[in-house]
Each structure stands twice: as C-alpha cells, then as structure tokens.
Amino acid sequence: MIKANDKNIKTWIEISENSDFSIQNIPFGIAKVKDEVFVATRIGDTVVNLYTVARLGHFSIEKEVFASCRLNDFMLLGKQVTRDVRNEISAIFNVNNELVKNNKELQEALINASEVEMLMPVEVGDYTDFYSSEQHAYNVGCMFRDPNNALLPNWKYIPVGYHGRASSIVVSGTPINRPKGQQKPKDEEPPVFGPCKLLDFELEMAFITYEGKALGESISTDEADDYIFGMCLFNDWSARDIQKWEYVPLGPFLAKNFGSSISPWIVTLDALEPYRTKRSVQDPKVFDYLKCAEEKNIDINLQVAIQPENTKETIVSNSNYKYMYWNMNQQLAHHTINGCNIKAGDMMASGTISGNDESAYGSMLEISWKGTKSVAMADGTERKFIADNDTVIMRGYAEKDDIRVGFGEVVTKVLPTK
C-alpha cells in the first residue's frame, strides 16, 4: 500500500509552491459548502469532500463517518483507522492513479478552498492548558519576580497545567470581543471594572486526543503517540490586567475563558513524524513516569502577525515548537498519571511558545516587556498590546527535504467590548 508520508509521492492535484498542504500532509477538518457539512481533507488549494469519495467506494470504512459535523466519530475509530484512511487518500490522488484522475464522479468531490467555509473541527469535551516553554516561563518570572527566582520550584519537575474552558474555543475567522472585568491598575487603590486594557495573544499549539483508557488507568510516555490524533495552531487569548488581579489563589479565570482560537485543519501526528527533533536537556532528571525518547519534540516554524484595520500586517514573532521543555508525551503522561481519563476530542494546549531570542517571544507581554516597549505597525501606529479591530494571524509549518506540512492560519479579529 502507498504510505502517505513517502517524500517521493506526487499528486495529480495542482499544488502551488510553498503550500502548507502537500500530498504528504493530508490533514482533516470539517467543511461546509452551501448546506452540506462533511469531513474533508485538503491538498494544495483543493478541499476534498471525503463523504463523496467514500460514497464512491474508495475507503475501507463506512461512509457515514465522513458525513459527521465533527471529527469525533472518526477519532473514535482509533489511530490505525486514521492511518489507513490517510494511506488510501494518498493512493487515490497519486499522480500515477490515472483511473481515478479521470473519474468524473470523483471530480465532484474537489472544491476550491475559496468556496468552502471551515467549521470547528472537533467537539472539545475538556481543555487543558500547559505552561511548558522554559524561555516563556523565565521571561514572565523575571518580570513579576526576579531573574534568580524566575522559575518556580516545581517548574522543572512537573509539566505545569490547568483546566480551561472548552465552550469558548472557536475556529479561525470567528471574531473575539474585548473582555471586561475587574482590574487593579494601582496597588494602593481599590480595583476598577471595565474593558481589558492589556489584551494579548499567546502563541501556542494544541494536540487532540483519541479515546483514552478507563478512569483510574494511566497513559505512559511510550504509549502517548497512540492516543494523540493530531495538532492545530492555538491562540490562547489573555487579558493581562484582569489576570493579574484574579489569579491568586486559584489561577486564571475571566482573563482566559472569554476565548481561544484554533486553526481549522488538524494535522495528524503521523504526518509530523518526519519532523521529530531532539528536545533540550532536562535537568534535574525527571521522574521515571516522565522519561521518554529524546526525539519527541517537533520542528514546527511558527509566526505571529498583527494587522490593524485597513492596512498591511506586521510580523511580530517568529518562534518554533521545538523550543518546548516538556513535550506532548510527557504532558499526556503527567495528565493521566493520577488515573484521569481522557476522551476523544479532548484538547491540550502547549502554553506560550517562546524562543531564546527576542524575535521569538510568543506574547505581547514579552515582546513589549510588560508594556515598556512599543512595536511599530505598517500603518505608522504602535502596539504594546492588541487594539480594537486588530486582526491577529498565526501560521505554522514543518519543512524537510522540500516537503512542507503546514497548518494554514488561525485568524482572529478583535472587536470592541460589548
């Protein structure tokens, strides 16, 4: 059988140079054309209606799973089924498959991406946000404590995380209203209430799980790959001034639950396998349940741009997912070590991803260094945090041997407070 990751595979579907959606990618999403909603993949600028392909008898599983309005039903079938379907798609659209290429019925499954509305790809049951980039944690610690005590004592022993709000995770293209809440601008004065003044993005990635084990059982770092369906870009919006006042003693609440934005295409962990890379040295040594193979980080280029209304965008960050101190396998192992069960469609975000260089910082809190620096925009204005009617754009892709596997974009416009 054709293997979807084979770097030598070519397709008869036209793909533009530097497209995120090579034939080696084969991501999954939920698309809508007119009144029809279906499971889809994307090759170049072509969205493929997998339900139509299934009705023509090209898949080894029942066609109804591709008529769903979420990927959860597909994920419930497990990793081997996902892998088989990717391989079957790769064979269908292989450049050597002349019989399929000339099939008029199959051509009806191919739609230009500009004619498609992308919907929320998964029904997120539970959402966990980690805090796993050492440089980001160090930067924040320096701002709010001091460089000698930047990392809290537990940070290098456990993948720190908290449970967030799943209902307000939205797909790219969905605007976010500026949140409002209590803030305490001056320590010596009482708090005030009003719109957030320090609205920020957080450059993150998230992984989505298959169905896990029963309550009371754990997933090891060696098993973790079998329970991870894929990844997406994740903008974990943050109201810094609200968070500063509310986070003691239980952590973020209104500062985070007003919205998080994700890219619409879920790139499978299988597609990302060729881009594995070594993680940084973990010192002190981790507990046995957190030990894992060295090459479990993934080399994914990440970028953030801010686009004020009616003008060009300005790139404010170029980072990389490989900077993670705690990888996905360790995060999932830690999440379940106490017997916590996970479900198909659970989403776990990385935490803000920052590199060692200022150009790779993953939030405006760091880029403006707590509001002490300004960033010039293309229209001549400046930003320390995100303004009303700004659009924040995140992009990500992995590339090796001239093969690119990307995520597209997560695009979100900030509207004024309601």
Protein backbone atom coordinates (compact mmCIF):
# COMPACT_ATOMS: atom_id res chain seq x y z
CA MET A 1 0.00 0.00 0.00
CA ILE A 2 1.03 3.62 -0.62
CA LYS A 3 2.43 5.21 2.54
CA ALA A 4 1.17 8.76 2.97
CA ASN A 5 4.46 10.11 4.37
CA ASP A 6 6.57 8.91 1.43
CA LYS A 7 8.51 12.00 0.32
CA ASN A 8 8.62 10.74 -3.28
CA ILE A 9 4.83 10.76 -3.74
CA LYS A 10 3.42 13.24 -6.25
CA THR A 11 -0.21 14.11 -6.90
CA TRP A 12 -2.28 14.99 -9.94
CA ILE A 13 -3.91 17.83 -7.97
CA GLU A 14 -2.19 21.15 -8.58
CA ILE A 15 -0.27 22.46 -5.57
CA SER A 16 1.29 25.91 -5.50
CA GLU A 17 4.85 26.43 -4.34
CA ASN A 18 5.21 26.68 -0.53
CA SER A 19 1.71 25.37 0.06
CA ASP A 20 1.14 24.08 3.59
CA PHE A 21 -0.98 21.28 2.17
CA SER A 22 1.33 18.92 0.34
CA ILE A 23 0.18 15.42 -0.60
CA GLN A 24 2.26 14.25 2.39
CA ASN A 25 0.13 16.29 4.80
CA ILE A 26 -3.48 15.06 4.39
CA PRO A 27 -5.00 16.90 7.38
CA PHE A 28 -8.61 16.53 8.49
CA GLY A 29 -11.27 19.17 9.06
CA ILE A 30 -14.98 19.90 8.84
CA ALA A 31 -16.08 21.84 5.77
CA LYS A 32 -19.35 23.40 4.66
CA VAL A 33 -20.42 24.12 1.09
CA LYS A 34 -23.89 25.63 0.77
CA ASP A 35 -25.93 23.48 3.17
CA GLU A 36 -23.71 20.39 3.11
CA VAL A 37 -21.33 19.68 6.01
CA PHE A 38 -18.73 16.94 5.67
CA VAL A 39 -15.37 15.61 6.80
CA ALA A 40 -12.68 16.93 4.47
CA THR A 41 -9.00 16.93 3.70
CA ARG A 42 -7.01 19.49 1.76
CA ILE A 43 -4.39 19.17 -0.97
CA GLY A 44 -2.99 22.48 -2.15
CA ASP A 45 -5.93 24.83 -2.61
CA THR A 46 -8.32 21.92 -3.17
CA VAL A 47 -10.65 20.78 -0.40
CA VAL A 48 -11.71 17.15 -0.79
CA ASN A 49 -15.21 16.07 0.28
CA LEU A 50 -14.38 12.72 1.89
CA TYR A 51 -18.03 11.75 2.16
CA THR A 52 -18.36 11.92 -1.62
CA VAL A 53 -15.15 9.91 -2.01
CA ALA A 54 -16.48 7.33 0.48
CA ARG A 55 -19.82 7.02 -1.35
CA LEU A 56 -17.83 6.02 -4.43
CA GLY A 57 -16.37 3.09 -2.51
CA HIS A 58 -12.78 4.28 -2.09
CA PHE A 59 -12.46 3.70 1.67
CA SER A 60 -12.34 0.58 3.79
CA ILE A 61 -14.63 2.05 6.49
CA GLU A 62 -18.31 3.01 6.48
CA LYS A 63 -19.09 6.19 4.57
CA GLU A 64 -21.38 7.64 7.30
CA VAL A 65 -18.42 8.62 9.48
CA PHE A 66 -17.49 11.22 6.84
CA ALA A 67 -20.95 12.82 6.94
CA SER A 68 -20.43 13.98 10.53
CA CYS A 69 -20.26 17.63 11.58
CA ARG A 70 -17.29 16.89 13.91
CA LEU A 71 -14.20 14.67 13.69
CA ASN A 72 -15.01 12.93 16.99
CA ASP A 73 -16.75 9.97 15.32
CA PHE A 74 -13.72 9.46 13.10
CA MET A 75 -11.34 9.69 16.06
CA LEU A 76 -13.33 7.09 17.97
CA LEU A 77 -12.23 4.55 15.36
CA GLY A 78 -8.63 4.86 16.58
CA LYS A 79 -5.18 5.52 15.19
CA GLN A 80 -4.90 2.57 12.82
CA VAL A 81 -8.06 3.66 11.00
CA THR A 82 -6.75 7.22 10.71
CA ARG A 83 -3.50 5.87 9.31
CA ASP A 84 -5.29 3.60 6.83
CA VAL A 85 -7.51 6.44 5.59
CA ARG A 86 -4.52 8.73 5.05
CA ASN A 87 -2.81 5.99 3.06
CA GLU A 88 -5.97 5.43 0.99
CA ILE A 89 -6.28 9.16 0.25
CA SER A 90 -2.63 9.23 -0.78
CA ALA A 91 -3.25 6.35 -3.22
CA ILE A 92 -6.41 7.94 -4.67
CA PHE A 93 -4.68 11.19 -5.51
CA ASN A 94 -1.35 9.72 -6.51
CA VAL A 95 -0.11 11.08 -9.84
CA ASN A 96 0.07 7.52 -11.20
CA ASN A 97 -3.59 6.77 -10.49
CA GLU A 98 -4.92 7.62 -13.96
CA LEU A 99 -8.17 5.70 -13.48
CA VAL A 100 -9.22 7.83 -10.54
CA LYS A 101 -7.83 11.02 -12.05
CA ASN A 102 -10.24 10.72 -14.99
CA ASN A 103 -13.25 9.74 -12.89
CA LYS A 104 -15.89 12.46 -13.39
CA GLU A 105 -17.81 11.45 -10.27
CA LEU A 106 -14.69 11.87 -8.15
CA GLN A 107 -14.09 15.32 -9.61
CA GLU A 108 -17.31 16.40 -7.89
CA ALA A 109 -15.58 15.86 -4.53
CA LEU A 110 -12.95 18.50 -5.34
CA ILE A 111 -13.75 22.08 -4.31
CA ASN A 112 -11.66 25.23 -4.39
CA ALA A 113 -10.75 26.30 -0.87
CA SER A 114 -12.11 29.80 -1.52
CA GLU A 115 -15.62 28.32 -1.90
CA VAL A 116 -15.53 26.44 1.41
CA GLU A 117 -16.43 27.54 4.93
CA MET A 118 -14.34 25.75 7.53
CA LEU A 119 -16.14 24.85 10.75
CA MET A 120 -14.98 23.87 14.23
CA PRO A 121 -13.21 20.55 13.55
CA VAL A 122 -13.83 18.80 16.87
CA GLU A 123 -16.30 18.90 19.72
CA VAL A 124 -13.93 19.71 22.57
CA GLY A 125 -15.01 17.87 25.69
CA ASP A 126 -12.26 19.03 28.03
CA TYR A 127 -9.43 21.52 27.56
CA THR A 128 -6.12 21.69 29.42
CA ASP A 129 -3.53 24.42 29.05
CA PHE A 130 0.09 23.69 29.93
CA TYR A 131 2.97 26.06 30.70
CA SER A 132 5.83 24.22 29.05
CA SER A 133 8.16 26.71 27.31
CA GLU A 134 11.12 27.41 29.59
CA GLN A 135 12.00 30.74 27.98
CA HIS A 136 8.43 32.00 28.33
CA ALA A 137 8.23 30.91 31.97
CA TYR A 138 11.62 32.52 32.62
CA ASN A 139 10.59 35.78 30.93
CA VAL A 140 7.37 36.05 32.92
CA GLY A 141 9.19 35.14 36.13
CA CYS A 142 11.75 37.88 35.51
CA MET A 143 9.01 40.46 35.03
CA PHE A 144 6.96 39.59 38.08
CA ARG A 145 9.68 38.26 40.45
CA ASP A 146 13.40 38.44 39.62
CA PRO A 147 15.84 36.55 37.36
CA ASN A 148 17.21 34.49 40.25
CA ASN A 149 13.75 33.17 41.11
CA ALA A 150 12.15 33.28 37.66
CA LEU A 151 11.13 29.62 37.57
CA LEU A 152 9.04 28.41 40.47
CA PRO A 153 10.46 25.39 42.36
CA ASN A 154 8.07 22.89 40.72
CA TRP A 155 8.54 24.00 37.11
CA LYS A 156 11.35 21.59 36.13
CA TYR A 157 9.76 18.68 37.95
CA ILE A 158 6.21 18.67 36.56
CA PRO A 159 4.55 19.84 33.33
CA VAL A 160 2.54 22.63 34.97
CA GLY A 161 -1.01 22.97 33.66
CA TYR A 162 -4.56 23.99 34.46
CA HIS A 163 -8.04 23.15 33.19
CA GLY A 164 -9.59 25.78 30.92
CA ARG A 165 -12.96 26.47 29.34
CA ALA A 166 -13.81 24.27 26.33
CA SER A 167 -17.02 26.06 25.30
CA SER A 168 -15.24 29.26 24.21
CA ILE A 169 -12.69 27.60 21.89
CA VAL A 170 -13.58 28.85 18.40
CA VAL A 171 -12.36 28.22 14.88
CA SER A 172 -10.28 30.65 12.80
CA GLY A 173 -12.34 33.51 11.38
CA THR A 174 -14.54 33.86 14.46
CA PRO A 175 -14.11 37.36 15.95
CA ILE A 176 -13.45 37.84 19.67
CA ASN A 177 -14.91 40.70 21.68
CA ARG A 178 -12.58 42.50 24.06
CA PRO A 179 -13.37 41.11 27.50
CA LYS A 180 -14.28 43.17 30.53
CA GLY A 181 -13.68 42.51 34.19
CA GLN A 182 -12.03 43.72 37.35
CA GLN A 183 -8.52 45.19 37.26
CA LYS A 184 -6.25 46.81 39.82
CA PRO A 185 -4.01 49.27 37.97
CA LYS A 186 -2.55 50.76 41.16
CA ASP A 187 -1.62 48.64 44.15
CA GLU A 188 -2.53 51.36 46.64
CA GLU A 189 -6.03 51.94 45.20
CA PRO A 190 -9.19 49.77 45.06
CA PRO A 191 -9.90 47.70 41.91
CA VAL A 192 -11.84 49.09 38.94
CA PHE A 193 -14.22 47.44 36.48
CA GLY A 194 -14.21 47.90 32.72
CA PRO A 195 -12.85 46.71 29.37
CA CYS A 196 -9.49 44.93 29.38
CA LYS A 197 -6.68 47.37 28.56
CA LEU A 198 -3.89 44.81 28.16
CA LEU A 199 -5.30 42.28 25.68
CA ASP A 200 -2.71 39.78 24.49
CA PHE A 201 -2.30 36.78 22.21
CA GLU A 202 -0.43 33.66 23.28
CA LEU A 203 1.31 31.68 20.54
CA GLU A 204 0.55 28.03 21.27
CA MET A 205 -0.12 24.69 19.64
CA ALA A 206 -2.63 22.12 20.81
CA PHE A 207 -2.95 18.37 20.44
CA ILE A 208 -6.23 16.48 20.21
CA THR A 209 -6.67 13.03 21.72
CA TYR A 210 -8.23 9.78 20.67
CA GLU A 211 -10.35 7.90 23.22
CA GLY A 212 -8.16 7.13 26.22
CA LYS A 213 -8.07 4.47 28.88
CA ALA A 214 -10.60 3.84 31.62
CA LEU A 215 -10.77 6.04 34.72
CA GLY A 216 -8.00 5.00 37.10
CA GLU A 217 -5.51 3.95 34.40
CA SER A 218 -2.56 5.95 33.05
CA ILE A 219 -1.00 6.52 29.64
CA SER A 220 2.79 6.19 29.58
CA THR A 221 5.14 8.37 27.55
CA ASP A 222 5.79 5.34 25.31
CA GLU A 223 2.05 4.89 24.70
CA ALA A 224 1.24 8.59 24.26
CA ASP A 225 1.67 8.68 20.47
CA ASP A 226 -1.10 6.11 20.08
CA TYR A 227 -3.52 8.39 21.91
CA ILE A 228 -2.76 11.63 20.04
CA PHE A 229 -4.79 12.24 16.87
CA GLY A 230 -3.14 15.43 15.67
CA MET A 231 -2.32 19.08 16.23
CA CYS A 232 -3.54 22.58 15.40
CA LEU A 233 -2.44 26.16 15.94
CA PHE A 234 -3.82 27.64 19.14
CA ASN A 235 -4.17 31.31 20.12
CA ASP A 236 -4.87 31.36 23.85
CA TRP A 237 -6.15 34.92 24.28
CA SER A 238 -5.22 36.55 27.57
CA ALA A 239 -6.45 39.64 29.43
CA ARG A 240 -3.27 40.51 31.32
CA ASP A 241 -4.70 43.19 33.61
CA ILE A 242 -7.70 41.06 34.63
CA GLN A 243 -5.41 38.08 35.18
CA LYS A 244 -3.03 39.99 37.43
CA TRP A 245 -5.85 40.80 39.86
CA GLU A 246 -7.71 37.48 39.84
CA TYR A 247 -5.08 34.75 39.57
CA VAL A 248 -4.31 34.49 43.31
CA PRO A 249 -5.08 31.94 44.72
CA LEU A 250 -6.67 29.70 42.05
CA GLY A 251 -5.12 30.91 38.79
CA PRO A 252 -6.64 32.38 35.58
CA PHE A 253 -10.42 32.65 35.28
CA LEU A 254 -12.13 35.51 33.38
CA ALA A 255 -8.76 36.51 31.95
CA LYS A 256 -8.74 33.34 29.83
CA ASN A 257 -12.22 31.88 29.46
CA PHE A 258 -13.58 34.52 27.04
CA GLY A 259 -11.99 32.84 24.03
CA SER A 260 -9.27 30.74 22.44
CA SER A 261 -8.85 30.41 18.66
CA ILE A 262 -7.71 27.37 16.66
CA SER A 263 -6.78 26.66 13.05
CA PRO A 264 -9.40 24.57 11.19
CA TRP A 265 -7.17 21.76 9.88
CA ILE A 266 -5.96 19.04 12.25
CA VAL A 267 -2.57 17.76 11.10
CA THR A 268 -2.09 14.16 12.21
CA LEU A 269 0.80 13.12 14.39
CA ASP A 270 1.70 10.63 11.65
CA ALA A 271 2.20 13.47 9.16
CA LEU A 272 4.53 15.23 11.62
CA GLU A 273 6.73 12.18 12.32
CA PRO A 274 9.44 13.16 9.77
CA TYR A 275 9.97 16.44 11.64
CA ARG A 276 10.83 14.99 15.04
CA THR A 277 13.86 16.54 16.72
CA LYS A 278 15.78 16.25 19.97
CA ARG A 279 14.50 18.09 22.99
CA SER A 280 16.67 20.20 25.25
CA VAL A 281 18.42 18.51 28.16
CA GLN A 282 16.12 18.20 31.15
CA ASP A 283 17.93 18.98 34.37
CA PRO A 284 17.24 17.87 37.08
CA LYS A 285 16.40 14.36 35.90
CA VAL A 286 12.69 13.73 35.60
CA PHE A 287 10.74 11.04 37.45
CA ASP A 288 10.58 7.67 35.73
CA TYR A 289 6.99 8.17 34.51
CA LEU A 290 8.12 11.29 32.61
CA LYS A 291 11.14 9.72 30.92
CA CYS A 292 10.80 9.33 27.14
CA ALA A 293 12.79 9.10 23.93
CA GLU A 294 14.90 12.17 23.19
CA GLU A 295 13.48 12.83 19.72
CA LYS A 296 9.91 13.62 20.71
CA ASN A 297 9.92 17.37 20.08
CA ILE A 298 8.78 18.53 16.64
CA ASP A 299 10.41 21.19 14.45
CA ILE A 300 7.48 23.44 13.52
CA ASN A 301 8.11 27.02 12.40
CA LEU A 302 5.65 29.46 13.97
CA GLN A 303 4.81 33.05 13.13
CA VAL A 304 2.53 35.77 14.50
CA ALA A 305 1.41 38.91 12.66
CA ILE A 306 -0.78 41.83 13.72
CA GLN A 307 -2.91 43.53 11.08
CA PRO A 308 -4.57 46.82 12.07
CA GLU A 309 -7.80 47.54 10.21
CA ASN A 310 -7.40 48.60 6.56
CA THR A 311 -3.63 48.18 6.41
CA LYS A 312 -0.90 45.59 5.92
CA GLU A 313 0.16 43.11 8.56
CA THR A 314 3.33 43.37 10.65
CA ILE A 315 5.15 40.22 11.75
CA VAL A 316 5.88 40.41 15.47
CA SER A 317 7.16 36.91 16.26
CA ASN A 318 8.99 34.01 14.61
CA SER A 319 9.18 31.08 17.01
CA ASN A 320 9.31 27.28 16.87
CA TYR A 321 7.50 24.43 18.60
CA LYS A 322 10.84 22.62 19.14
CA TYR A 323 11.57 25.05 21.99
CA MET A 324 9.21 23.14 24.30
CA TYR A 325 10.84 21.92 27.52
CA TRP A 326 8.02 19.45 28.21
CA ASN A 327 6.81 17.58 25.10
CA MET A 328 3.35 16.15 24.32
CA ASN A 329 4.22 12.65 25.51
CA GLN A 330 5.28 13.98 28.90
CA GLN A 331 2.26 16.26 29.14
CA LEU A 332 -0.17 13.43 28.44
CA ALA A 333 1.64 11.03 30.78
CA HIS A 334 1.54 13.59 33.58
CA HIS A 335 -2.10 14.44 32.88
CA THR A 336 -3.11 10.79 33.33
CA ILE A 337 -0.63 9.58 35.97
CA ASN A 338 -3.29 10.02 38.67
CA GLY A 339 -5.82 7.97 36.69
CA CYS A 340 -7.52 10.91 34.96
CA ASN A 341 -9.35 9.61 31.88
CA ILE A 342 -9.29 11.39 28.52
CA LYS A 343 -11.91 11.29 25.78
CA ALA A 344 -11.85 11.56 22.00
CA GLY A 345 -11.73 15.27 21.20
CA ASP A 346 -10.02 16.48 24.35
CA MET A 347 -7.67 19.37 23.59
CA MET A 348 -4.39 20.07 25.34
CA ALA A 349 -2.52 23.29 24.59
CA SER A 350 1.22 23.78 24.92
CA GLY A 351 1.35 27.09 26.74
CA THR A 352 3.01 30.12 25.16
CA ILE A 353 5.97 29.12 22.96
CA SER A 354 8.96 31.46 23.19
CA GLY A 355 12.48 31.06 21.85
CA ASN A 356 15.69 32.43 23.33
CA ASP A 357 15.80 35.42 21.01
CA GLU A 358 13.50 38.45 21.42
CA SER A 359 12.24 37.91 17.88
CA ALA A 360 10.89 34.52 19.01
CA TYR A 361 8.84 35.66 22.00
CA GLY A 362 5.29 34.30 21.88
CA SER A 363 3.22 37.06 23.51
CA MET A 364 2.97 40.84 23.56
CA LEU A 365 3.66 40.72 27.30
CA GLU A 366 7.18 39.59 26.40
CA ILE A 367 7.58 41.48 23.12
CA SER A 368 6.69 44.79 24.82
CA TRP A 369 8.36 43.61 28.02
CA LYS A 370 5.37 44.31 30.27
CA GLY A 371 4.43 47.40 28.27
CA THR A 372 7.80 49.19 28.41
CA LYS A 373 8.50 48.85 24.66
CA SER A 374 6.41 49.62 21.58
CA VAL A 375 6.19 47.71 18.30
CA ALA A 376 5.77 49.75 15.11
CA MET A 377 2.98 48.71 12.74
CA ALA A 378 2.97 49.08 8.95
CA ASP A 379 0.49 51.98 9.17
CA GLY A 380 2.74 54.02 11.48
CA THR A 381 0.87 53.25 14.68
CA GLU A 382 2.44 51.39 17.59
CA ARG A 383 1.38 48.49 19.76
CA LYS A 384 2.22 47.33 23.26
CA PHE A 385 -0.85 45.11 23.39
CA ILE A 386 -3.71 44.32 20.99
CA ALA A 387 -6.05 47.17 19.96
CA ASP A 388 -9.72 47.00 18.93
CA ASN A 389 -10.19 45.98 15.28
CA ASP A 390 -6.70 44.46 15.10
CA THR A 391 -6.52 41.05 13.45
CA VAL A 392 -4.01 38.57 14.87
CA ILE A 393 -2.73 35.94 12.42
CA MET A 394 -0.78 32.83 13.42
CA ARG A 395 0.88 30.45 10.98
CA GLY A 396 2.85 27.25 11.32
CA TYR A 397 4.58 24.67 9.15
CA ALA A 398 7.25 21.95 9.24
CA GLU A 399 9.60 21.52 6.28
CA LYS A 400 12.28 18.99 5.35
CA ASP A 401 13.64 17.61 2.07
CA ASP A 402 11.46 20.16 0.21
CA ILE A 403 8.32 18.62 1.73
CA ARG A 404 6.13 21.04 3.65
CA VAL A 405 3.48 20.01 6.14
CA GLY A 406 1.64 23.05 7.45
CA PHE A 407 -1.37 24.14 9.44
CA GLY A 408 -2.57 27.12 7.42
CA GLU A 409 -3.60 30.04 9.61
CA VAL A 410 -5.64 30.94 12.63
CA VAL A 411 -7.04 34.42 12.00
CA THR A 412 -8.96 36.36 14.64
CA LYS A 413 -10.24 39.94 14.67
CA VAL A 414 -10.68 41.73 17.99
CA LEU A 415 -13.96 43.62 18.26
CA PRO A 416 -14.73 46.26 20.89
CA THR A 417 -16.28 45.29 24.22
CA LYS A 418 -20.00 44.62 24.04
